[in-house]
Amino acid sequence: MDPIDAPRLRLEPLLPAHATALFEGLSDPRIYAFLDERPPANLAALTERYQRLAFRRSPDGRDRWLNWALFSPEAGCHVGYVQATAHPDATAEIAYVLFPPWWGRGHAREAVLAMITHLRERYGVTRFHAQIHPENRRSIALVTSLGFARVGRRAASDDPSQVEDEVYRL
């Protein structure tokens, strides 16, 4: 897996060593307002998660797990991550997390655009999907600015009391 250079960011293939650099940012509870997950319990748990992701394949070997830590050379620190699950049918589910101090500066859009371009060129992905909580206006604005269109709804979890996410496709 290759690093990706964007105008203000370097997308580094995610490794277990990134857990130390990302842990503090991922511990901010504001990130999880619209996500069906919680902050990492501790550094060891995050490192373990990144060790699993470092295989870059789903357990059945069908899907590619492609994850990048976002490094800002200007700031001298990591500002979030982007990820994609690339399927054999040339589709990919994408997701992204930017740490709150970096919200509203265009970094997420830049990183997602760089990832999509890379996935098209390197992995032959032709269709992209993003699943977004309907109240997450920042994320909806990001994907629509990249040309994604809302195509439906999908349960965010197995809990029927949870709000269904909106599904966007490019």
Protein backbone atom coordinates (compact mmCIF):
# COMPACT_ATOMS: atom_id res chain seq x y z
CA MET A 1 0.00 0.00 0.00
CA ASP A 2 1.34 3.38 -0.96
CA PRO A 3 1.36 6.73 0.80
CA ILE A 4 -0.67 9.43 -0.94
CA ASP A 5 0.40 13.05 -1.21
CA ALA A 6 -2.28 15.73 -1.18
CA PRO A 7 -1.66 19.49 -1.26
CA ARG A 8 -1.60 19.93 2.54
CA LEU A 9 -1.58 16.35 3.78
CA ARG A 10 0.32 13.11 3.52
CA LEU A 11 -1.87 10.02 3.74
CA GLU A 12 0.31 7.39 5.41
CA PRO A 13 -0.65 3.69 5.22
CA LEU A 14 -2.01 2.98 8.70
CA LEU A 15 0.29 0.88 10.89
CA PRO A 16 0.09 -0.18 14.55
CA ALA A 17 2.71 2.48 15.32
CA HIS A 18 0.15 5.16 14.35
CA ALA A 19 -1.89 4.31 17.45
CA THR A 20 0.34 6.51 19.61
CA ALA A 21 0.01 9.48 17.24
CA LEU A 22 -3.78 9.11 16.81
CA PHE A 23 -4.90 8.07 20.30
CA GLU A 24 -5.30 11.53 21.82
CA GLY A 25 -7.25 12.89 18.85
CA LEU A 26 -9.48 9.80 18.75
CA SER A 27 -10.22 10.21 22.45
CA ASP A 28 -12.21 13.42 21.83
CA PRO A 29 -15.88 12.54 22.45
CA ARG A 30 -17.09 15.13 19.91
CA ILE A 31 -15.97 12.78 17.13
CA TYR A 32 -18.53 10.18 18.18
CA ALA A 33 -21.66 12.35 18.17
CA PHE A 34 -22.78 10.72 14.90
CA LEU A 35 -20.83 7.44 14.93
CA ASP A 36 -21.93 4.04 16.17
CA GLU A 37 -18.71 3.54 18.14
CA ARG A 38 -16.89 4.91 21.15
CA PRO A 39 -13.44 6.40 21.72
CA PRO A 40 -10.68 3.80 22.06
CA ALA A 41 -10.59 2.34 25.58
CA ASN A 42 -6.82 2.74 25.80
CA LEU A 43 -3.67 2.85 23.69
CA ALA A 44 -3.24 -0.93 23.81
CA ALA A 45 -6.76 -1.49 22.41
CA LEU A 46 -6.15 0.96 19.57
CA THR A 47 -2.80 -0.66 18.77
CA GLU A 48 -4.47 -4.07 18.67
CA ARG A 49 -7.16 -2.74 16.30
CA TYR A 50 -4.49 -1.30 13.99
CA GLN A 51 -2.64 -4.65 14.04
CA ARG A 52 -5.79 -6.31 12.66
CA LEU A 53 -6.22 -3.60 10.03
CA ALA A 54 -2.56 -3.91 8.98
CA PHE A 55 -3.42 -7.23 7.27
CA ARG A 56 -5.24 -5.04 4.71
CA ARG A 57 -7.71 -7.85 4.00
CA SER A 58 -10.99 -8.98 5.51
CA PRO A 59 -10.83 -12.32 7.35
CA ASP A 60 -12.33 -14.11 4.32
CA GLY A 61 -9.77 -12.42 2.03
CA ARG A 62 -12.39 -10.96 -0.33
CA ASP A 63 -12.26 -7.29 0.66
CA ARG A 64 -9.30 -4.94 0.91
CA TRP A 65 -9.06 -2.87 4.07
CA LEU A 66 -7.31 0.34 3.10
CA ASN A 67 -6.59 2.82 5.86
CA TRP A 68 -4.43 5.95 5.97
CA ALA A 69 -3.40 8.21 8.85
CA LEU A 70 -3.53 11.89 7.87
CA PHE A 71 -0.33 13.78 8.57
CA SER A 72 -0.15 17.56 8.23
CA PRO A 73 3.46 18.62 7.50
CA GLU A 74 2.51 22.23 8.23
CA ALA A 75 1.17 21.38 11.69
CA GLY A 76 3.72 18.63 12.30
CA CYS A 77 1.07 16.22 13.57
CA HIS A 78 -1.61 13.73 12.57
CA VAL A 79 -5.08 15.19 12.11
CA GLY A 80 -7.27 12.12 11.51
CA TYR A 81 -7.65 9.19 9.14
CA VAL A 82 -9.46 7.99 6.02
CA GLN A 83 -10.42 4.45 5.20
CA ALA A 84 -12.01 2.34 2.51
CA THR A 85 -13.25 -1.20 2.24
CA ALA A 86 -12.75 -2.10 -1.41
CA HIS A 87 -14.94 -4.96 -2.65
CA PRO A 88 -14.30 -7.32 -5.60
CA ASP A 89 -17.17 -5.69 -7.56
CA ALA A 90 -15.18 -2.41 -7.89
CA THR A 91 -17.16 -0.66 -5.15
CA ALA A 92 -15.80 0.81 -1.93
CA GLU A 93 -17.32 1.91 1.35
CA ILE A 94 -15.48 4.99 2.56
CA ALA A 95 -15.21 6.65 5.95
CA TYR A 96 -13.15 9.41 7.49
CA VAL A 97 -12.46 11.04 10.83
CA LEU A 98 -10.86 14.41 11.32
CA PHE A 99 -9.93 15.62 14.78
CA PRO A 100 -12.10 18.55 15.95
CA PRO A 101 -9.35 21.22 15.91
CA TRP A 102 -9.12 20.60 12.14
CA TRP A 103 -12.84 20.72 11.34
CA GLY A 104 -13.95 23.33 8.82
CA ARG A 105 -10.54 23.84 7.18
CA GLY A 106 -11.02 21.66 4.11
CA HIS A 107 -8.61 18.93 5.23
CA ALA A 108 -11.27 16.19 5.25
CA ARG A 109 -12.39 17.05 1.72
CA GLU A 110 -8.79 17.10 0.52
CA ALA A 111 -8.03 13.73 2.14
CA VAL A 112 -11.19 12.02 0.87
CA LEU A 113 -10.65 13.34 -2.66
CA ALA A 114 -7.04 12.11 -2.63
CA MET A 115 -8.16 8.69 -1.37
CA ILE A 116 -10.92 8.38 -3.99
CA THR A 117 -8.52 9.32 -6.78
CA HIS A 118 -6.00 6.76 -5.51
CA LEU A 119 -8.65 4.04 -5.21
CA ARG A 120 -9.75 4.65 -8.80
CA GLU A 121 -6.22 4.63 -10.19
CA ARG A 122 -4.59 1.93 -8.07
CA TYR A 123 -7.48 -0.43 -7.22
CA GLY A 124 -9.94 0.10 -10.09
CA VAL A 125 -12.76 1.25 -7.83
CA THR A 126 -15.61 2.76 -9.86
CA ARG A 127 -18.37 3.32 -7.28
CA PHE A 128 -18.13 4.75 -3.79
CA HIS A 129 -20.55 4.64 -0.86
CA ALA A 130 -20.63 6.59 2.39
CA GLN A 131 -23.04 5.94 5.24
CA ILE A 132 -23.74 9.12 7.22
CA HIS A 133 -25.96 10.01 10.17
CA PRO A 134 -28.73 12.30 8.85
CA GLU A 135 -27.83 15.05 11.35
CA ASN A 136 -24.14 15.08 10.47
CA ARG A 137 -24.35 18.20 8.29
CA ARG A 138 -20.57 18.62 7.95
CA SER A 139 -20.12 15.13 6.57
CA ILE A 140 -23.11 15.42 4.25
CA ALA A 141 -21.74 18.72 2.93
CA LEU A 142 -18.35 17.08 2.35
CA VAL A 143 -19.62 14.15 0.28
CA THR A 144 -22.10 16.23 -1.71
CA SER A 145 -19.29 18.68 -2.56
CA LEU A 146 -17.47 15.70 -4.08
CA GLY A 147 -20.48 14.73 -6.21
CA PHE A 148 -22.05 12.05 -4.00
CA ALA A 149 -25.85 11.80 -4.12
CA ARG A 150 -28.20 10.47 -1.45
CA VAL A 151 -29.59 7.11 -2.56
CA GLY A 152 -31.37 5.74 0.50
CA ARG A 153 -31.14 4.78 4.14
CA ARG A 154 -29.51 1.93 6.00
CA ALA A 155 -29.48 0.85 9.62
CA ALA A 156 -26.34 2.06 11.36
CA SER A 157 -26.41 -0.85 13.79
CA ASP A 158 -28.44 -3.87 14.82
CA ASP A 159 -30.27 -1.73 17.39
CA PRO A 160 -33.71 -0.92 15.91
CA SER A 161 -34.03 2.16 18.15
CA GLN A 162 -31.10 3.82 16.36
CA VAL A 163 -31.62 6.39 13.61
CA GLU A 164 -30.97 5.02 10.13
CA ASP A 165 -27.99 6.50 8.34
CA GLU A 166 -28.30 8.08 4.94
CA VAL A 167 -26.42 6.36 2.14
CA TYR A 168 -24.57 8.44 -0.44
CA ARG A 169 -23.12 7.15 -3.69
CA LEU A 170 -20.59 8.47 -6.17
